[in-house]
C-alpha atoms as a PDB file:
ATOM      1  CA  UNK A   1       3.570  -7.213 -20.171  1.00  0.00           C
ATOM      2  CA  UNK A   2       4.634  -5.873 -23.102  1.00  0.00           C
ATOM      3  CA  UNK A   3       6.743  -7.253 -26.130  1.00  0.00           C
ATOM      4  CA  UNK A   4       9.086  -5.503 -28.292  1.00  0.00           C
ATOM      5  CA  UNK A   5       7.995  -7.208 -31.598  1.00  0.00           C
ATOM      6  CA  UNK A   6       9.454  -6.227 -35.301  1.00  0.00           C
ATOM      7  CA  UNK A   7       6.780  -7.968 -37.085  1.00  0.00           C
ATOM      8  CA  UNK A   8       3.218  -8.422 -37.624  1.00  0.00           C
ATOM      9  CA  UNK A   9      -0.169 -10.029 -35.946  1.00  0.00           C
ATOM     10  CA  UNK A  10      -1.213 -13.403 -38.002  1.00  0.00           C
ATOM     11  CA  UNK A  11      -4.488 -13.270 -38.488  1.00  0.00           C
ATOM     12  CA  UNK A  12      -4.683 -16.759 -38.319  1.00  0.00           C
ATOM     13  CA  UNK A  13      -2.647 -17.397 -35.488  1.00  0.00           C
ATOM     14  CA  UNK A  14      -1.126 -15.452 -32.637  1.00  0.00           C
ATOM     15  CA  UNK A  15       2.573 -15.704 -34.135  1.00  0.00           C
ATOM     16  CA  UNK A  16       5.201 -13.072 -34.922  1.00  0.00           C
ATOM     17  CA  UNK A  17       4.621 -13.149 -38.821  1.00  0.00           C
ATOM     18  CA  UNK A  18       5.606 -11.905 -41.934  1.00  0.00           C
ATOM     19  CA  UNK A  19       3.312 -10.677 -44.526  1.00  0.00           C
ATOM     20  CA  UNK A  20       3.665 -13.391 -47.306  1.00  0.00           C
ATOM     21  CA  UNK A  21       0.254 -12.157 -49.964  1.00  0.00           C
ATOM     22  CA  UNK A  22      -2.066 -13.202 -49.010  1.00  0.00           C
ATOM     23  CA  UNK A  23      -1.393 -15.107 -46.045  1.00  0.00           C
ATOM     24  CA  UNK A  24       1.451 -14.462 -43.786  1.00  0.00           C
ATOM     25  CA  UNK A  25       3.961 -16.678 -43.083  1.00  0.00           C
ATOM     26  CA  UNK A  26       4.545 -17.420 -38.910  1.00  0.00           C
ATOM     27  CA  UNK A  27       8.286 -17.076 -38.156  1.00  0.00           C
ATOM     28  CA  UNK A  28       9.783 -19.588 -35.274  1.00  0.00           C
ATOM     29  CA  UNK A  29      12.502 -21.426 -34.192  1.00  0.00           C
ATOM     30  CA  UNK A  30      14.602 -23.559 -37.523  1.00  0.00           C
ATOM     31  CA  UNK A  31      15.748 -26.457 -35.198  1.00  0.00           C
ATOM     32  CA  UNK A  32      15.617 -27.793 -31.691  1.00  0.00           C
ATOM     33  CA  UNK A  33      16.281 -28.043 -28.821  1.00  0.00           C
ATOM     34  CA  UNK A  34      15.931 -23.803 -28.613  1.00  0.00           C
ATOM     35  CA  UNK A  35      18.581 -22.729 -26.268  1.00  0.00           C
ATOM     36  CA  UNK A  36      18.915 -19.522 -23.381  1.00  0.00           C
ATOM     37  CA  UNK A  37      20.779 -17.971 -20.756  1.00  0.00           C
ATOM     38  CA  UNK A  38      20.902 -16.026 -17.529  1.00  0.00           C
ATOM     39  CA  UNK A  39      21.982 -12.745 -16.527  1.00  0.00           C
ATOM     40  CA  UNK A  40      20.361 -13.300 -12.879  1.00  0.00           C
ATOM     41  CA  UNK A  41      22.470 -10.366 -11.927  1.00  0.00           C
ATOM     42  CA  UNK A  42      19.874  -7.771 -10.060  1.00  0.00           C
ATOM     43  CA  UNK A  43      21.953  -4.472  -9.620  1.00  0.00           C
ATOM     44  CA  UNK A  44      18.463  -2.407  -8.125  1.00  0.00           C
ATOM     45  CA  UNK A  45      18.198  -5.903  -6.035  1.00  0.00           C
ATOM     46  CA  UNK A  46      14.342  -5.930  -6.964  1.00  0.00           C
ATOM     47  CA  UNK A  47      14.597  -9.163  -6.910  1.00  0.00           C
ATOM     48  CA  UNK A  48      13.122 -11.593  -3.895  1.00  0.00           C
ATOM     49  CA  UNK A  49      13.917 -15.010  -3.449  1.00  0.00           C
ATOM     50  CA  UNK A  50      12.282 -15.394   0.341  1.00  0.00           C
ATOM     51  CA  UNK A  51      11.166 -18.885   0.668  1.00  0.00           C
ATOM     52  CA  UNK A  52      13.128 -20.145  -2.374  1.00  0.00           C
ATOM     53  CA  UNK A  53      14.458 -23.799  -1.570  1.00  0.00           C
ATOM     54  CA  UNK A  54      16.983 -23.308  -4.388  1.00  0.00           C
ATOM     55  CA  UNK A  55      20.079 -22.099  -2.818  1.00  0.00           C
ATOM     56  CA  UNK A  56      21.359 -19.059  -3.576  1.00  0.00           C
ATOM     57  CA  UNK A  57      19.787 -16.179  -5.438  1.00  0.00           C
ATOM     58  CA  UNK A  58      20.698 -16.811  -9.148  1.00  0.00           C
ATOM     59  CA  UNK A  59      19.444 -21.083  -8.899  1.00  0.00           C
ATOM     60  CA  UNK A  60      15.993 -20.064  -7.759  1.00  0.00           C
ATOM     61  CA  UNK A  61      15.672 -17.351 -10.742  1.00  0.00           C
ATOM     62  CA  UNK A  62      16.766 -20.171 -13.242  1.00  0.00           C
ATOM     63  CA  UNK A  63      14.417 -22.120 -11.935  1.00  0.00           C
ATOM     64  CA  UNK A  64      11.802 -19.566 -11.718  1.00  0.00           C
ATOM     65  CA  UNK A  65      12.620 -18.991 -15.387  1.00  0.00           C
ATOM     66  CA  UNK A  66      12.867 -22.909 -15.986  1.00  0.00           C
ATOM     67  CA  UNK A  67       9.014 -23.184 -15.345  1.00  0.00           C
ATOM     68  CA  UNK A  68       8.171 -21.413 -17.876  1.00  0.00           C
ATOM     69  CA  UNK A  69       9.637 -22.597 -20.383  1.00  0.00           C
ATOM     70  CA  UNK A  70       8.660 -26.479 -18.713  1.00  0.00           C
ATOM     71  CA  UNK A  71       4.898 -24.931 -19.187  1.00  0.00           C
ATOM     72  CA  UNK A  72       5.476 -24.499 -22.850  1.00  0.00           C
ATOM     73  CA  UNK A  73       7.033 -27.667 -23.824  1.00  0.00           C
ATOM     74  CA  UNK A  74       3.986 -30.043 -21.807  1.00  0.00           C
ATOM     75  CA  UNK A  75       1.562 -28.029 -23.116  1.00  0.00           C
ATOM     76  CA  UNK A  76      -1.461 -29.901 -23.698  1.00  0.00           C
ATOM     77  CA  UNK A  77      -5.201 -29.413 -26.163  1.00  0.00           C
ATOM     78  CA  UNK A  78      -8.014 -31.062 -24.773  1.00  0.00           C
ATOM     79  CA  UNK A  79      -5.464 -33.360 -23.016  1.00  0.00           C
ATOM     80  CA  UNK A  80      -2.598 -34.843 -25.111  1.00  0.00           C
ATOM     81  CA  UNK A  81       0.535 -32.906 -25.766  1.00  0.00           C
ATOM     82  CA  UNK A  82       0.693 -31.856 -29.697  1.00  0.00           C
ATOM     83  CA  UNK A  83       4.343 -29.935 -29.943  1.00  0.00           C
ATOM     84  CA  UNK A  84       7.320 -30.910 -30.731  1.00  0.00           C
ATOM     85  CA  UNK A  85       9.384 -28.293 -28.469  1.00  0.00           C
ATOM     86  CA  UNK A  86      12.627 -28.473 -26.872  1.00  0.00           C
ATOM     87  CA  UNK A  87      14.133 -25.963 -24.672  1.00  0.00           C
ATOM     88  CA  UNK A  88      17.571 -26.011 -22.730  1.00  0.00           C
ATOM     89  CA  UNK A  89      19.236 -24.033 -20.581  1.00  0.00           C
ATOM     90  CA  UNK A  90      22.789 -23.342 -22.105  1.00  0.00           C
ATOM     91  CA  UNK A  91      24.739 -21.095 -19.178  1.00  0.00           C
ATOM     92  CA  UNK A  92      25.140 -17.681 -18.291  1.00  0.00           C
ATOM     93  CA  UNK A  93      25.446 -14.737 -19.233  1.00  0.00           C
ATOM     94  CA  UNK A  94      26.661 -10.940 -18.721  1.00  0.00           C
ATOM     95  CA  UNK A  95      25.007  -9.188 -21.195  1.00  0.00           C
ATOM     96  CA  UNK A  96      22.953  -5.890 -19.919  1.00  0.00           C
ATOM     97  CA  UNK A  97      21.081  -5.743 -22.834  1.00  0.00           C
ATOM     98  CA  UNK A  98      19.388  -7.111 -26.479  1.00  0.00           C
ATOM     99  CA  UNK A  99      22.094  -7.764 -29.022  1.00  0.00           C
ATOM    100  CA  UNK A 100      19.839  -9.155 -31.740  1.00  0.00           C
ATOM    101  CA  UNK A 101      22.969  -9.937 -33.874  1.00  0.00           C
ATOM    102  CA  UNK A 102      24.847 -12.618 -31.382  1.00  0.00           C
ATOM    103  CA  UNK A 103      21.802 -15.181 -32.204  1.00  0.00           C
ATOM    104  CA  UNK A 104      22.574 -15.992 -28.159  1.00  0.00           C
ATOM    105  CA  UNK A 105      18.834 -16.013 -26.557  1.00  0.00           C
ATOM    106  CA  UNK A 106      19.553 -14.091 -23.182  1.00  0.00           C
ATOM    107  CA  UNK A 107      17.294 -13.853 -20.376  1.00  0.00           C
ATOM    108  CA  UNK A 108      18.240 -10.731 -17.920  1.00  0.00           C
ATOM    109  CA  UNK A 109      17.584  -8.331 -15.189  1.00  0.00           C
ATOM    110  CA  UNK A 110      20.505  -5.998 -15.140  1.00  0.00           C
ATOM    111  CA  UNK A 111      19.357  -3.820 -18.339  1.00  0.00           C
ATOM    112  CA  UNK A 112      19.089  -0.318 -16.898  1.00  0.00           C
ATOM    113  CA  UNK A 113      18.345   2.015 -19.410  1.00  0.00           C
ATOM    114  CA  UNK A 114      15.159   3.521 -18.798  1.00  0.00           C
ATOM    115  CA  UNK A 115      14.608   4.101 -22.725  1.00  0.00           C
ATOM    116  CA  UNK A 116      14.394   0.212 -23.017  1.00  0.00           C
ATOM    117  CA  UNK A 117      10.995   0.320 -20.677  1.00  0.00           C
ATOM    118  CA  UNK A 118       7.613   2.466 -21.891  1.00  0.00           C
ATOM    119  CA  UNK A 119       5.418   3.484 -19.116  1.00  0.00           C
ATOM    120  CA  UNK A 120       3.887   0.518 -17.116  1.00  0.00           C
ATOM    121  CA  UNK A 121       6.419  -2.373 -18.781  1.00  0.00           C
ATOM    122  CA  UNK A 122       6.857  -5.381 -16.565  1.00  0.00           C
ATOM    123  CA  UNK A 123       9.448  -6.822 -19.204  1.00  0.00           C
ATOM    124  CA  UNK A 124       9.877  -7.076 -22.711  1.00  0.00           C
ATOM    125  CA  UNK A 125      11.499  -9.737 -25.253  1.00  0.00           C
ATOM    126  CA  UNK A 126      13.296  -8.622 -28.426  1.00  0.00           C
ATOM    127  CA  UNK A 127      13.018 -10.048 -31.192  1.00  0.00           C
ATOM    128  CA  UNK A 128      15.150 -10.510 -34.584  1.00  0.00           C
ATOM    129  CA  UNK A 129      13.904 -12.564 -37.785  1.00  0.00           C
ATOM    130  CA  UNK A 130      16.001 -13.602 -40.893  1.00  0.00           C
ATOM    131  CA  UNK A 131      13.381 -14.053 -44.279  1.00  0.00           C
ATOM    132  CA  UNK A 132      13.719 -16.099 -47.245  1.00  0.00           C
ATOM    133  CA  UNK A 133      15.018 -13.749 -50.124  1.00  0.00           C
ATOM    134  CA  UNK A 134      12.144 -14.022 -52.317  1.00  0.00           C
ATOM    135  CA  UNK A 135      11.547 -16.831 -55.686  1.00  0.00           C
ATOM    136  CA  UNK A 136      14.442 -18.847 -53.741  1.00  0.00           C
ATOM    137  CA  UNK A 137      13.558 -22.480 -52.153  1.00  0.00           C
ATOM    138  CA  UNK A 138      15.498 -24.742 -49.606  1.00  0.00           C
ATOM    139  CA  UNK A 139      16.968 -24.078 -46.783  1.00  0.00           C
ATOM    140  CA  UNK A 140      19.323 -21.148 -46.202  1.00  0.00           C
ATOM    141  CA  UNK A 141      22.017 -19.934 -43.851  1.00  0.00           C
ATOM    142  CA  UNK A 142      22.495 -16.705 -42.148  1.00  0.00           C
ATOM    143  CA  UNK A 143      25.591 -14.688 -40.174  1.00  0.00           C
ATOM    144  CA  UNK A 144      25.741 -13.682 -36.473  1.00  0.00           C
ATOM    145  CA  UNK A 145      27.730 -11.107 -35.061  1.00  0.00           C
ATOM    146  CA  UNK A 146      30.637 -13.907 -33.989  1.00  0.00           C
ATOM    147  CA  UNK A 147      31.245 -14.909 -37.548  1.00  0.00           C
ATOM    148  CA  UNK A 148      29.625 -18.197 -37.399  1.00  0.00           C
ATOM    149  CA  UNK A 149      26.625 -18.990 -39.193  1.00  0.00           C
ATOM    150  CA  UNK A 150      23.093 -21.010 -38.597  1.00  0.00           C
ATOM    151  CA  UNK A 151      20.513 -22.607 -41.127  1.00  0.00           C
ATOM    152  CA  UNK A 152      16.392 -21.226 -41.739  1.00  0.00           C
ATOM    153  CA  UNK A 153      14.482 -24.467 -43.116  1.00  0.00           C
ATOM    154  CA  UNK A 154      11.223 -21.911 -43.298  1.00  0.00           C
ATOM    155  CA  UNK A 155      10.707 -19.495 -45.312  1.00  0.00           C
ATOM    156  CA  UNK A 156      10.810 -17.181 -41.872  1.00  0.00           C
ATOM    157  CA  UNK A 157      12.957 -17.876 -38.919  1.00  0.00           C
ATOM    158  CA  UNK A 158      13.708 -16.660 -35.258  1.00  0.00           C
ATOM    159  CA  UNK A 159      17.462 -16.023 -35.379  1.00  0.00           C
ATOM    160  CA  UNK A 160      17.505 -14.209 -32.283  1.00  0.00           C
ATOM    161  CA  UNK A 161      15.154 -13.425 -29.076  1.00  0.00           C
ATOM    162  CA  UNK A 162      16.550 -11.459 -25.847  1.00  0.00           C
ATOM    163  CA  UNK A 163      14.422 -10.720 -22.143  1.00  0.00           C
ATOM    164  CA  UNK A 164      14.974  -8.445 -19.900  1.00  0.00           C
ATOM    165  CA  UNK A 165      12.603  -7.679 -17.106  1.00  0.00           C
ATOM    166  CA  UNK A 166      12.326  -4.027 -15.685  1.00  0.00           C
ATOM    167  CA  UNK A 167      14.569  -3.260 -12.742  1.00  0.00           C
ATOM    168  CA  UNK A 168      12.711  -0.527 -11.405  1.00  0.00           C
ATOM    169  CA  UNK A 169      10.016  -3.538 -10.699  1.00  0.00           C
ATOM    170  CA  UNK A 170       9.613  -5.653  -7.955  1.00  0.00           C
ATOM    171  CA  UNK A 171       9.616  -9.653  -9.299  1.00  0.00           C
ATOM    172  CA  UNK A 172       9.382 -12.857  -6.249  1.00  0.00           C
ATOM    173  CA  UNK A 173      10.313 -16.148  -6.469  1.00  0.00           C
ATOM    174  CA  UNK A 174       7.468 -17.363  -4.644  1.00  0.00           C
ATOM    175  CA  UNK A 175       3.868 -17.964  -5.872  1.00  0.00           C
ATOM    176  CA  UNK A 176       2.274 -15.693  -3.917  1.00  0.00           C
ATOM    177  CA  UNK A 177       3.492 -12.784  -4.404  1.00  0.00           C
ATOM    178  CA  UNK A 178       3.276  -9.830  -1.491  1.00  0.00           C
ATOM    179  CA  UNK A 179       1.335  -6.693  -2.886  1.00  0.00           C
ATOM    180  CA  UNK A 180       2.715  -4.385  -5.873  1.00  0.00           C
ATOM    181  CA  UNK A 181       4.966  -7.586  -7.020  1.00  0.00           C
ATOM    182  CA  UNK A 182       4.715  -9.644  -9.551  1.00  0.00           C
ATOM    183  CA  UNK A 183       5.518 -13.592  -9.801  1.00  0.00           C
ATOM    184  CA  UNK A 184       8.615 -13.873 -11.731  1.00  0.00           C
ATOM    185  CA  UNK A 185       7.547 -17.512 -13.150  1.00  0.00           C
ATOM    186  CA  UNK A 186       4.391 -15.349 -14.473  1.00  0.00           C
ATOM    187  CA  UNK A 187       6.096 -12.809 -16.161  1.00  0.00           C
ATOM    188  CA  UNK A 188       8.770 -15.134 -17.701  1.00  0.00           C
ATOM    189  CA  UNK A 189       6.730 -17.693 -19.402  1.00  0.00           C
ATOM    190  CA  UNK A 190       4.333 -15.074 -20.726  1.00  0.00           C
ATOM    191  CA  UNK A 191       7.477 -13.761 -22.363  1.00  0.00           C
ATOM    192  CA  UNK A 192       8.894 -16.897 -23.372  1.00  0.00           C
ATOM    193  CA  UNK A 193       5.962 -17.404 -25.287  1.00  0.00           C
ATOM    194  CA  UNK A 194       7.506 -14.246 -27.293  1.00  0.00           C
ATOM    195  CA  UNK A 195      11.324 -15.518 -27.504  1.00  0.00           C
ATOM    196  CA  UNK A 196       9.333 -18.879 -28.872  1.00  0.00           C
ATOM    197  CA  UNK A 197       7.522 -17.155 -31.098  1.00  0.00           C
ATOM    198  CA  UNK A 198       3.997 -16.132 -30.442  1.00  0.00           C
ATOM    199  CA  UNK A 199       2.516 -12.899 -30.964  1.00  0.00           C
ATOM    200  CA  UNK A 200      -0.096 -11.371 -27.802  1.00  0.00           C
ATOM    201  CA  UNK A 201      -4.025 -13.477 -27.843  1.00  0.00           C
ATOM    202  CA  UNK A 202      -7.223 -11.217 -27.188  1.00  0.00           C
ATOM    203  CA  UNK A 203      -8.275 -13.806 -24.921  1.00  0.00           C
ATOM    204  CA  UNK A 204      -8.164 -12.214 -20.978  1.00  0.00           C
ATOM    205  CA  UNK A 205      -7.659 -15.428 -19.110  1.00  0.00           C
ATOM    206  CA  UNK A 206      -4.629 -16.175 -21.536  1.00  0.00           C
ATOM    207  CA  UNK A 207      -0.717 -16.537 -20.720  1.00  0.00           C
ATOM    208  CA  UNK A 208      -0.421 -14.404 -23.417  1.00  0.00           C
ATOM    209  CA  UNK A 209      -3.340 -11.780 -22.555  1.00  0.00           C
ATOM    210  CA  UNK A 210      -1.021  -8.364 -22.914  1.00  0.00           C
ATOM    211  CA  UNK A 211      -1.563  -7.027 -19.533  1.00  0.00           C
ATOM    212  CA  UNK A 212      -0.150  -8.536 -16.463  1.00  0.00           C
ATOM    213  CA  UNK A 213      -1.413  -8.108 -12.547  1.00  0.00           C
ATOM    214  CA  UNK A 214       0.539  -7.912  -9.261  1.00  0.00           C
ATOM    215  CA  UNK A 215      -2.400  -9.400  -7.915  1.00  0.00           C
ATOM    216  CA  UNK A 216      -2.255 -13.318  -6.735  1.00  0.00           C
ATOM    217  CA  UNK A 217      -5.338 -13.544  -9.349  1.00  0.00           C
ATOM    218  CA  UNK A 218      -3.907 -12.052 -12.249  1.00  0.00           C
ATOM    219  CA  UNK A 219      -0.602 -14.207 -11.777  1.00  0.00           C
ATOM    220  CA  UNK A 220      -0.764 -16.356 -15.324  1.00  0.00           C
ATOM    221  CA  UNK A 221       1.196 -19.737 -14.908  1.00  0.00           C
ATOM    222  CA  UNK A 222      -0.923 -22.794 -16.442  1.00  0.00           C
ATOM    223  CA  UNK A 223      -1.524 -22.735 -20.045  1.00  0.00           C
ATOM    224  CA  UNK A 224      -4.753 -21.441 -21.182  1.00  0.00           C
ATOM    225  CA  UNK A 225      -6.375 -23.750 -24.010  1.00  0.00           C
ATOM    226  CA  UNK A 226      -5.197 -21.343 -27.292  1.00  0.00           C
ATOM    227  CA  UNK A 227      -2.122 -20.458 -25.330  1.00  0.00           C
ATOM    228  CA  UNK A 228      -1.462 -23.852 -26.062  1.00  0.00           C
ATOM    229  CA  UNK A 229      -2.793 -24.291 -29.293  1.00  0.00           C
ATOM    230  CA  UNK A 230      -0.726 -21.845 -30.441  1.00  0.00           C
ATOM    231  CA  UNK A 231       2.122 -23.460 -29.426  1.00  0.00           C
ATOM    232  CA  UNK A 232       1.461 -26.690 -30.834  1.00  0.00           C
ATOM    233  CA  UNK A 233       0.866 -24.756 -34.369  1.00  0.00           C
ATOM    234  CA  UNK A 234       4.403 -23.672 -34.270  1.00  0.00           C
ATOM    235  CA  UNK A 235       5.736 -26.618 -32.667  1.00  0.00           C
ATOM    236  CA  UNK A 236       3.520 -29.672 -34.038  1.00  0.00           C
ATOM    237  CA  UNK A 237       3.864 -33.374 -33.094  1.00  0.00           C
ATOM    238  CA  UNK A 238       3.081 -34.903 -36.158  1.00  0.00           C
ATOM    239  CA  UNK A 239      -0.972 -35.840 -35.389  1.00  0.00           C
ATOM    240  CA  UNK A 240      -1.523 -31.874 -34.102  1.00  0.00           C
ATOM    241  CA  UNK A 241      -3.468 -31.410 -37.065  1.00  0.00           C
ATOM    242  CA  UNK A 242      -5.416 -34.810 -38.097  1.00  0.00           C
ATOM    243  CA  UNK A 243      -6.713 -34.684 -33.687  1.00  0.00           C
ATOM    244  CA  UNK A 244      -7.569 -30.822 -33.717  1.00  0.00           C
ATOM    245  CA  UNK A 245      -9.893 -29.218 -36.311  1.00  0.00           C
ATOM    246  CA  UNK A 246     -10.552 -25.600 -38.230  1.00  0.00           C
ATOM    247  CA  UNK A 247     -12.991 -23.811 -37.844  1.00  0.00           C
ATOM    248  CA  UNK A 248     -13.323 -20.689 -40.569  1.00  0.00           C
ATOM    249  CA  UNK A 249     -15.191 -17.666 -41.894  1.00  0.00           C
ATOM    250  CA  UNK A 250     -15.989 -14.620 -42.840  1.00  0.00           C
ATOM    251  CA  UNK A 251     -17.223 -11.370 -41.066  1.00  0.00           C
ATOM    252  CA  UNK A 252     -19.265  -9.003 -43.301  1.00  0.00           C
ATOM    253  CA  UNK A 253     -20.986  -5.552 -42.665  1.00  0.00           C
ATOM    254  CA  UNK A 254     -23.319  -4.049 -44.871  1.00  0.00           C
ATOM    255  CA  UNK A 255     -22.233  -6.815 -47.716  1.00  0.00           C
ATOM    256  CA  UNK A 256     -18.032  -6.382 -47.861  1.00  0.00           C
ATOM    257  CA  UNK A 257     -15.777  -7.765 -45.408  1.00  0.00           C
ATOM    258  CA  UNK A 258     -14.552  -6.710 -42.060  1.00  0.00           C
ATOM    259  CA  UNK A 259     -10.780  -7.125 -41.964  1.00  0.00           C
ATOM    260  CA  UNK A 260      -8.962  -7.161 -38.521  1.00  0.00           C
ATOM    261  CA  UNK A 261     -12.045  -8.081 -36.578  1.00  0.00           C
ATOM    262  CA  UNK A 262     -11.727 -10.122 -33.407  1.00  0.00           C
ATOM    263  CA  UNK A 263     -13.258 -13.082 -33.954  1.00  0.00           C
ATOM    264  CA  UNK A 264     -13.811 -15.448 -31.218  1.00  0.00           C
ATOM    265  CA  UNK A 265     -14.368 -19.557 -30.537  1.00  0.00           C
ATOM    266  CA  UNK A 266     -16.398 -20.687 -27.780  1.00  0.00           C
ATOM    267  CA  UNK A 267     -17.456 -23.808 -26.395  1.00  0.00           C
ATOM    268  CA  UNK A 268     -21.246 -24.016 -26.712  1.00  0.00           C
ATOM    269  CA  UNK A 269     -21.314 -26.169 -23.688  1.00  0.00           C
ATOM    270  CA  UNK A 270     -19.191 -24.119 -21.108  1.00  0.00           C
ATOM    271  CA  UNK A 271     -19.140 -20.704 -22.270  1.00  0.00           C
ATOM    272  CA  UNK A 272     -15.601 -20.717 -22.377  1.00  0.00           C
ATOM    273  CA  UNK A 273     -13.478 -18.311 -24.764  1.00  0.00           C
ATOM    274  CA  UNK A 274     -11.221 -21.336 -25.976  1.00  0.00           C
ATOM    275  CA  UNK A 275      -9.409 -19.482 -28.940  1.00  0.00           C
ATOM    276  CA  UNK A 276      -9.132 -16.466 -30.866  1.00  0.00           C
ATOM    277  CA  UNK A 277      -8.083 -14.687 -34.061  1.00  0.00           C
ATOM    278  CA  UNK A 278      -8.189 -11.645 -36.417  1.00  0.00           C
ATOM    279  CA  UNK A 279     -10.095 -11.619 -39.778  1.00  0.00           C
ATOM    280  CA  UNK A 280      -7.979 -10.589 -42.726  1.00  0.00           C
ATOM    281  CA  UNK A 281      -8.166  -7.780 -45.393  1.00  0.00           C
ATOM    282  CA  UNK A 282     -11.191 -10.166 -47.014  1.00  0.00           C
ATOM    283  CA  UNK A 283     -12.682 -10.326 -43.668  1.00  0.00           C
ATOM    284  CA  UNK A 284     -12.120 -14.185 -43.732  1.00  0.00           C
ATOM    285  CA  UNK A 285     -10.939 -16.200 -40.945  1.00  0.00           C
ATOM    286  CA  UNK A 286      -9.273 -19.444 -40.325  1.00  0.00           C
ATOM    287  CA  UNK A 287      -9.275 -20.800 -36.473  1.00  0.00           C
ATOM    288  CA  UNK A 288      -6.744 -23.533 -36.872  1.00  0.00           C
ATOM    289  CA  UNK A 289      -6.331 -26.338 -33.795  1.00  0.00           C
ATOM    290  CA  UNK A 290      -9.501 -26.110 -32.367  1.00  0.00           C
ATOM    291  CA  UNK A 291     -10.189 -29.226 -29.978  1.00  0.00           C
ATOM    292  CA  UNK A 292     -13.109 -30.914 -31.057  1.00  0.00           C
ATOM    293  CA  UNK A 293     -16.705 -29.825 -30.115  1.00  0.00           C
ATOM    294  CA  UNK A 294     -19.341 -27.189 -30.971  1.00  0.00           C
ATOM    295  CA  UNK A 295     -18.486 -23.353 -31.569  1.00  0.00           C
ATOM    296  CA  UNK A 296     -19.898 -20.554 -31.054  1.00  0.00           C
ATOM    297  CA  UNK A 297     -18.236 -17.495 -33.180  1.00  0.00           C
ATOM    298  CA  UNK A 298     -18.072 -14.163 -31.525  1.00  0.00           C
ATOM    299  CA  UNK A 299     -17.464 -11.330 -33.080  1.00  0.00           C
ATOM    300  CA  UNK A 300     -15.754  -8.052 -32.037  1.00  0.00           C
ATOM    301  CA  UNK A 301     -14.163  -4.994 -33.919  1.00  0.00           C
ATOM    302  CA  UNK A 302     -11.020  -5.188 -32.887  1.00  0.00           C
END
């Protein structure tokens, strides 16, 4: 998968972020529900809805895309759900390419501008954010291209997010895709993670891992623990921080902190990679939202 992300990788959590030294500030949606629109037109006829019981092709596409958002809203960390995320379908759109200024979150299949899709790109998400002016506090307002105003309650808010599926790639609404065809729900779930504020994960079995596969084994429609931690960190319930923990430390080489080391928490009992992050400029790291348990820490060159 590929995402057009204008902001940096957060070393303490996989989020789009603005670097407010010395701590990155995660960008997220300021209010719930997050609303999205769908342009289900497929001029390249590259989407198969064979076997779908949803009726018209547009309804089948909406069903697959909606299933991805449902997965994120039901994210669970070691059992319970710790997120207050809410997403709502808001109708159809005729937008055929991303527009970062209209404050409309459109998911579409009609972007035929080849320059929007680099080699190997299955789909991409374009994110626009607004950042609080330095030295100010409280909420602030920003203006959309239609003249309407919105309010941001954080230091950094997502203002617009558009997802486009590559019209030269074959997709299917079936959970058992044929050869050289990508399952739409799997791709949508990954891109929706970006729309909601998540960056890529370094854990191979996570939904937010940056590479997709058209084989059945490569379809990711179920969140890994790392995915669930990430979305719960962005939109936490009141008990998220009290039920989960934090693992922190530093990676050093010959007495000097290592910047950009890939740090992975591995469950000591199961051997599973649970969550990961990157070290900061001084080599320090902090993995938040970790479920109770015993862990090994693996540090690798990024």
